[in-house]
Amino acid sequence: MNPSAPIWIAVPTFRRPDRLRHLLERMGDVVRRGDVVAVVAENDAREQEGAAVARALEAAGYPLPLHVLIVEQPGLCAVRNAITGTAMADPAMRLLAMIDDDEWPQPGWLDALIACQAETGAEAVGGPVDPHFSAPPPRWVSETLVFRPEERPKGVTDMLWASNNLLLTRRALERVAPPWFDMRFNRSGGEDLDFLMRLRAAGGTFGWAPHARVSEWVPPERTRLSWVLRRMWRIGCTETLARRKQRPGLAGGLALLARSLALLGLRTAGLAGMLMPGARRVDIAGQWVKCWGRLHALAGGSQTLYGAD
């Protein structure tokens, strides 16, 4: 039976059964509404460990309606498009909340997203993501934006950047022609930024809900300097590929190249700031590496495979 509810909570999952269980257990504790369905989109069609977790919780009396969607085609865009297409096929669906399988919602999360959407009329609403380190991290993690939750005032905002804590209205999904998530980003990441850029170009509006917080697991391998710098490279690369779609043709490419070279010049000059006491050295280095990721994308370089780092 296909799920049906005014509010969908979508959880794409791939080989993280323990993290998924934690997420679903916490969601069952903090989401107490009668107009919600939770959908677990399993993207490992062979092992289906996440699907098994969801079905076991459902059999044990999970407090929310829980539906499992098996997505055989692997990849970030494939699973997000499957979720979105299934949600759009439900005429009752008016809001689609997205959260990743290595996260979990804090108390009041969904209600805060919905309240912000109602107050602002925004078609997409985001909230902060707080890091939760699996092991004591190095001291330098405070020097990088990779692990700093984004903070903004509540209300209307100009742009959102990610889908790991996001509420979309049906109207937002109607504005962007399918496939909502461009398959060119299927293995690289950046598919959510591309979608949000297309939404903004189509006239979509955005809101920010500072009390709609989720927590994200940060395993020890992600607190290595090499991982952070590779992440900044990938951000620069995928962000530029998404911007390139918005500015096609020779003129658009030259404009992005000029902007990227100017940023590289500024960031290169800024490397001297690493010598200053109290400087956020990892941030400074990361922004410089991000510039090279931008140029790599403009030069036609291949996208970094998601999960490779």
Protein backbone atom coordinates (compact mmCIF):
# COMPACT_ATOMS: atom_id res chain seq x y z
CA MET A 1 0.00 0.00 0.00
CA ASN A 2 1.34 3.42 -0.94
CA PRO A 3 1.76 5.81 1.99
CA SER A 4 -0.43 8.89 2.28
CA ALA A 5 -0.24 11.84 4.68
CA PRO A 6 -0.07 15.64 4.54
CA ILE A 7 3.49 15.61 5.92
CA TRP A 8 6.18 13.21 4.74
CA ILE A 9 9.50 12.66 6.50
CA ALA A 10 12.01 11.17 4.07
CA VAL A 11 15.14 9.31 5.17
CA PRO A 12 17.42 8.05 2.39
CA THR A 13 19.71 5.32 3.72
CA PHE A 14 22.70 3.32 2.54
CA ARG A 15 24.55 0.79 4.72
CA ARG A 16 24.12 2.61 8.04
CA PRO A 17 21.69 0.36 9.90
CA ASP A 18 22.83 1.35 13.39
CA ARG A 19 22.70 5.06 12.60
CA LEU A 20 19.31 4.61 10.98
CA ARG A 21 17.93 2.80 14.01
CA HIS A 22 19.11 5.62 16.26
CA LEU A 23 17.50 8.21 13.97
CA LEU A 24 14.17 6.39 13.81
CA GLU A 25 14.08 5.76 17.55
CA ARG A 26 14.71 9.43 18.29
CA MET A 27 12.21 10.50 15.64
CA GLY A 28 9.59 8.31 17.24
CA ASP A 29 10.27 10.09 20.54
CA VAL A 30 10.22 13.70 19.31
CA VAL A 31 7.68 13.69 16.46
CA ARG A 32 4.20 13.36 17.86
CA ARG A 33 1.73 14.20 15.13
CA GLY A 34 -1.13 12.39 13.52
CA ASP A 35 -0.57 13.83 10.05
CA VAL A 36 2.89 12.36 9.36
CA VAL A 37 4.31 9.38 7.51
CA ALA A 38 7.99 8.42 7.73
CA VAL A 39 9.54 6.93 4.59
CA VAL A 40 12.84 5.04 4.67
CA ALA A 41 14.33 4.90 1.17
CA GLU A 42 16.70 1.94 1.07
CA ASN A 43 19.43 2.44 -1.53
CA ASP A 44 21.18 -0.90 -1.01
CA ALA A 45 18.80 -3.17 -2.88
CA ARG A 46 20.92 -6.27 -2.25
CA GLU A 47 21.58 -6.26 1.51
CA GLN A 48 18.66 -4.03 2.59
CA GLU A 49 19.98 -3.62 6.13
CA GLY A 50 18.19 -0.31 6.56
CA ALA A 51 14.90 -1.75 5.34
CA ALA A 52 15.26 -4.57 7.87
CA VAL A 53 15.73 -2.05 10.69
CA ALA A 54 12.65 -0.09 9.64
CA ARG A 55 10.51 -3.22 9.34
CA ALA A 56 11.64 -4.50 12.73
CA LEU A 57 10.72 -1.21 14.38
CA GLU A 58 7.37 -1.21 12.62
CA ALA A 59 6.66 -4.77 13.84
CA ALA A 60 7.56 -3.68 17.37
CA GLY A 61 4.89 -0.96 17.32
CA TYR A 62 6.69 2.10 15.98
CA PRO A 63 4.63 5.19 16.92
CA LEU A 64 4.58 6.73 13.42
CA PRO A 65 3.33 5.24 10.16
CA LEU A 66 6.50 3.83 8.59
CA HIS A 67 6.95 2.94 4.92
CA VAL A 68 9.95 1.31 3.24
CA LEU A 69 10.85 2.27 -0.31
CA ILE A 70 13.46 0.12 -2.09
CA VAL A 71 15.47 2.14 -4.63
CA GLU A 72 17.45 -0.24 -6.84
CA GLN A 73 19.43 2.37 -8.76
CA PRO A 74 22.34 3.48 -6.57
CA GLY A 75 23.27 7.08 -5.98
CA LEU A 76 22.28 10.25 -4.20
CA CYS A 77 20.08 11.62 -6.96
CA ALA A 78 18.44 8.27 -7.69
CA VAL A 79 17.28 7.84 -4.10
CA ARG A 80 16.18 11.46 -3.67
CA ASN A 81 14.24 11.40 -6.93
CA ALA A 82 12.54 8.15 -5.92
CA ILE A 83 11.46 9.69 -2.63
CA THR A 84 10.24 12.86 -4.27
CA GLY A 85 8.37 11.08 -7.04
CA THR A 86 6.63 8.81 -4.54
CA ALA A 87 5.68 11.76 -2.36
CA MET A 88 4.36 13.77 -5.29
CA ALA A 89 2.18 10.82 -6.30
CA ASP A 90 0.32 11.22 -3.00
CA PRO A 91 -2.33 13.92 -3.53
CA ALA A 92 -2.52 14.47 0.23
CA MET A 93 1.16 15.39 0.55
CA ARG A 94 1.76 19.10 1.11
CA LEU A 95 5.10 19.10 2.99
CA LEU A 96 8.20 16.92 2.52
CA ALA A 97 10.87 16.97 5.25
CA MET A 98 14.32 15.55 4.51
CA ILE A 99 16.86 14.27 7.02
CA ASP A 100 19.92 12.08 6.42
CA ASP A 101 20.51 8.64 7.92
CA ASP A 102 23.58 9.77 9.91
CA GLU A 103 21.54 12.41 11.75
CA TRP A 104 18.73 12.55 14.27
CA PRO A 105 16.15 15.22 15.12
CA GLN A 106 16.27 17.25 18.29
CA PRO A 107 13.05 17.98 20.23
CA GLY A 108 10.75 20.35 18.37
CA TRP A 109 12.52 19.82 15.04
CA LEU A 110 9.59 19.16 12.74
CA ASP A 111 7.21 21.56 14.49
CA ALA A 112 9.78 24.36 14.17
CA LEU A 113 10.18 23.75 10.43
CA ILE A 114 6.42 23.71 9.91
CA ALA A 115 5.88 26.82 12.04
CA CYS A 116 8.51 28.77 10.10
CA GLN A 117 6.96 27.73 6.80
CA ALA A 118 3.50 28.82 8.00
CA GLU A 119 4.78 32.16 9.29
CA THR A 120 6.89 33.08 6.27
CA GLY A 121 5.12 31.32 3.42
CA ALA A 122 8.54 30.08 2.30
CA GLU A 123 8.56 27.14 -0.09
CA ALA A 124 11.76 25.68 1.38
CA VAL A 125 12.81 25.93 5.03
CA GLY A 126 16.12 24.86 6.52
CA GLY A 127 17.60 24.54 9.99
CA PRO A 128 20.96 24.05 11.72
CA VAL A 129 22.92 20.80 11.87
CA ASP A 130 24.93 20.29 15.06
CA PRO A 131 27.97 17.97 14.92
CA HIS A 132 28.16 15.10 17.40
CA PHE A 133 31.65 13.63 17.50
CA SER A 134 31.89 9.86 18.01
CA ALA A 135 35.28 10.34 19.67
CA PRO A 136 37.02 13.38 21.18
CA PRO A 137 38.04 15.50 18.17
CA PRO A 138 41.30 17.40 17.66
CA ARG A 139 41.30 20.96 18.93
CA TRP A 140 41.48 22.37 15.42
CA VAL A 141 37.96 21.24 14.49
CA SER A 142 36.74 24.58 15.86
CA GLU A 143 38.78 26.25 13.11
CA THR A 144 36.71 24.92 10.23
CA LEU A 145 33.25 25.79 8.98
CA VAL A 146 32.77 22.13 8.01
CA PHE A 147 31.83 21.41 11.63
CA ARG A 148 30.16 24.71 12.55
CA PRO A 149 26.36 24.72 12.44
CA GLU A 150 24.99 27.52 10.33
CA GLU A 151 23.26 30.21 12.39
CA ARG A 152 20.87 32.78 10.93
CA PRO A 153 17.94 34.84 12.22
CA LYS A 154 14.54 33.20 12.06
CA GLY A 155 12.43 34.04 9.03
CA VAL A 156 12.85 34.70 5.34
CA THR A 157 16.35 34.10 3.97
CA ASP A 158 17.94 34.51 0.56
CA MET A 159 19.20 30.98 -0.06
CA LEU A 160 19.63 27.51 1.42
CA TRP A 161 22.56 25.22 0.69
CA ALA A 162 21.75 21.64 1.63
CA SER A 163 19.02 19.04 2.06
CA ASN A 164 20.15 17.32 5.25
CA ASN A 165 17.67 19.39 7.30
CA LEU A 166 15.11 20.70 4.85
CA LEU A 167 11.35 21.12 4.52
CA LEU A 168 9.87 21.49 1.03
CA THR A 169 6.34 22.41 0.07
CA ARG A 170 4.51 20.75 -2.78
CA ARG A 171 4.67 24.11 -4.56
CA ALA A 172 8.48 24.05 -4.39
CA LEU A 173 8.58 20.63 -6.02
CA GLU A 174 6.09 21.75 -8.68
CA ARG A 175 8.33 24.69 -9.60
CA VAL A 176 11.31 22.46 -10.53
CA ALA A 177 10.85 20.11 -13.45
CA PRO A 178 11.72 16.45 -12.83
CA PRO A 179 14.19 15.01 -12.32
CA TRP A 180 14.30 17.20 -9.25
CA PHE A 181 17.85 16.08 -8.51
CA ASP A 182 20.10 16.14 -11.57
CA MET A 183 21.68 12.74 -12.20
CA ARG A 184 24.94 14.43 -13.17
CA PHE A 185 25.48 14.83 -9.40
CA ASN A 186 24.49 11.26 -8.57
CA ARG A 187 27.93 10.19 -7.33
CA SER A 188 29.50 13.52 -6.46
CA GLY A 189 27.15 15.28 -4.09
CA GLY A 190 25.98 18.83 -4.72
CA GLU A 191 22.63 17.60 -6.05
CA ASP A 192 20.81 19.43 -3.26
CA LEU A 193 22.55 22.73 -3.97
CA ASP A 194 21.76 22.35 -7.67
CA PHE A 195 18.09 21.72 -6.84
CA LEU A 196 17.94 24.75 -4.53
CA MET A 197 19.59 26.98 -7.14
CA ARG A 198 17.05 25.86 -9.71
CA LEU A 199 14.26 26.47 -7.21
CA ARG A 200 15.46 30.01 -6.58
CA ALA A 201 15.77 30.65 -10.33
CA ALA A 202 12.17 29.46 -10.72
CA GLY A 203 10.94 31.98 -8.15
CA GLY A 204 11.02 29.80 -5.04
CA THR A 205 11.33 31.40 -1.61
CA PHE A 206 13.33 30.32 1.44
CA GLY A 207 13.07 30.42 5.21
CA TRP A 208 15.27 29.60 8.17
CA ALA A 209 14.13 27.95 11.40
CA PRO A 210 16.91 28.22 14.00
CA HIS A 211 15.07 25.98 16.48
CA ALA A 212 14.61 23.16 13.93
CA ARG A 213 17.86 21.49 14.86
CA VAL A 214 19.22 18.09 13.98
CA SER A 215 22.40 16.40 15.20
CA GLU A 216 24.88 14.65 12.91
CA TRP A 217 27.32 11.88 13.75
CA VAL A 218 30.94 12.77 12.98
CA PRO A 219 33.10 9.61 12.98
CA PRO A 220 36.83 9.85 13.79
CA GLU A 221 37.88 9.48 10.14
CA ARG A 222 36.15 12.75 9.36
CA THR A 223 38.17 14.67 11.92
CA ARG A 224 41.36 14.26 9.93
CA LEU A 225 42.77 17.33 8.25
CA SER A 226 43.04 15.48 4.92
CA TRP A 227 39.31 14.66 5.01
CA VAL A 228 38.34 18.27 5.73
CA LEU A 229 40.48 19.60 2.88
CA ARG A 230 39.08 17.02 0.46
CA ARG A 231 35.58 18.03 1.53
CA MET A 232 36.37 21.69 0.80
CA TRP A 233 37.74 20.71 -2.62
CA ARG A 234 34.54 18.82 -3.41
CA ILE A 235 32.38 21.73 -2.21
CA GLY A 236 34.25 24.06 -4.55
CA CYS A 237 33.91 21.62 -7.43
CA THR A 238 30.22 20.74 -7.08
CA GLU A 239 29.19 24.30 -6.22
CA THR A 240 30.83 25.54 -9.41
CA LEU A 241 29.21 22.81 -11.51
CA ALA A 242 25.83 23.87 -10.16
CA ARG A 243 26.57 27.55 -10.83
CA ARG A 244 27.73 26.67 -14.34
CA LYS A 245 24.28 25.30 -15.10
CA GLN A 246 22.81 28.65 -14.12
CA ARG A 247 25.26 30.50 -16.38
CA PRO A 248 25.58 28.50 -19.60
CA GLY A 249 27.56 29.43 -22.68
CA LEU A 250 30.94 31.04 -23.20
CA ALA A 251 30.02 34.29 -21.45
CA GLY A 252 28.81 32.45 -18.36
CA GLY A 253 31.92 30.30 -18.24
CA LEU A 254 34.22 33.30 -18.57
CA ALA A 255 32.36 35.15 -15.82
CA LEU A 256 32.71 32.20 -13.45
CA LEU A 257 36.38 31.82 -14.39
CA ALA A 258 37.06 35.49 -13.65
CA ARG A 259 35.26 35.20 -10.30
CA SER A 260 37.14 32.02 -9.40
CA LEU A 261 40.53 33.51 -10.28
CA ALA A 262 39.75 36.62 -8.25
CA LEU A 263 38.77 34.49 -5.26
CA LEU A 264 41.92 32.40 -5.64
CA GLY A 265 44.01 35.59 -5.59
CA LEU A 266 42.27 36.80 -2.43
CA ARG A 267 42.55 33.43 -0.70
CA THR A 268 46.21 33.08 -1.69
CA ALA A 269 46.98 36.47 -0.21
CA GLY A 270 45.00 35.47 2.84
CA LEU A 271 47.25 32.48 3.51
CA ALA A 272 49.53 34.85 5.36
CA GLY A 273 46.82 35.15 7.97
CA MET A 274 47.64 31.63 9.12
CA LEU A 275 50.66 33.13 10.89
CA MET A 276 48.48 35.34 13.08
CA PRO A 277 47.80 34.27 16.68
CA GLY A 278 44.31 32.85 17.05
CA ALA A 279 43.78 32.47 13.28
CA ARG A 280 41.35 29.85 12.02
CA ARG A 281 44.11 28.16 10.06
CA VAL A 282 42.06 25.20 8.85
CA ASP A 283 39.36 27.54 7.53
CA ILE A 284 41.93 29.66 5.73
CA ALA A 285 43.56 26.62 4.13
CA GLY A 286 40.17 25.10 3.31
CA GLN A 287 38.95 28.20 1.50
CA TRP A 288 42.13 28.22 -0.57
CA VAL A 289 41.68 24.55 -1.49
CA LYS A 290 38.03 25.25 -2.33
CA CYS A 291 39.19 27.76 -4.95
CA TRP A 292 41.23 25.07 -6.67
CA GLY A 293 38.15 22.85 -6.67
CA ARG A 294 36.29 25.62 -8.50
CA LEU A 295 39.00 25.84 -11.16
CA HIS A 296 39.11 22.05 -11.47
CA ALA A 297 35.39 22.04 -12.29
CA LEU A 298 35.70 24.88 -14.80
CA ALA A 299 38.54 23.05 -16.52
CA GLY A 300 36.24 20.09 -17.12
CA GLY A 301 37.70 17.91 -14.41
CA SER A 302 35.74 14.92 -13.21
CA GLN A 303 33.68 15.14 -10.06
CA THR A 304 34.96 13.49 -6.89
CA LEU A 305 32.97 10.34 -6.14
CA TYR A 306 30.82 10.67 -3.07
CA GLY A 307 32.05 8.43 -0.30
CA ALA A 308 35.54 8.17 -1.78
CA ASP A 309 36.77 10.31 1.11
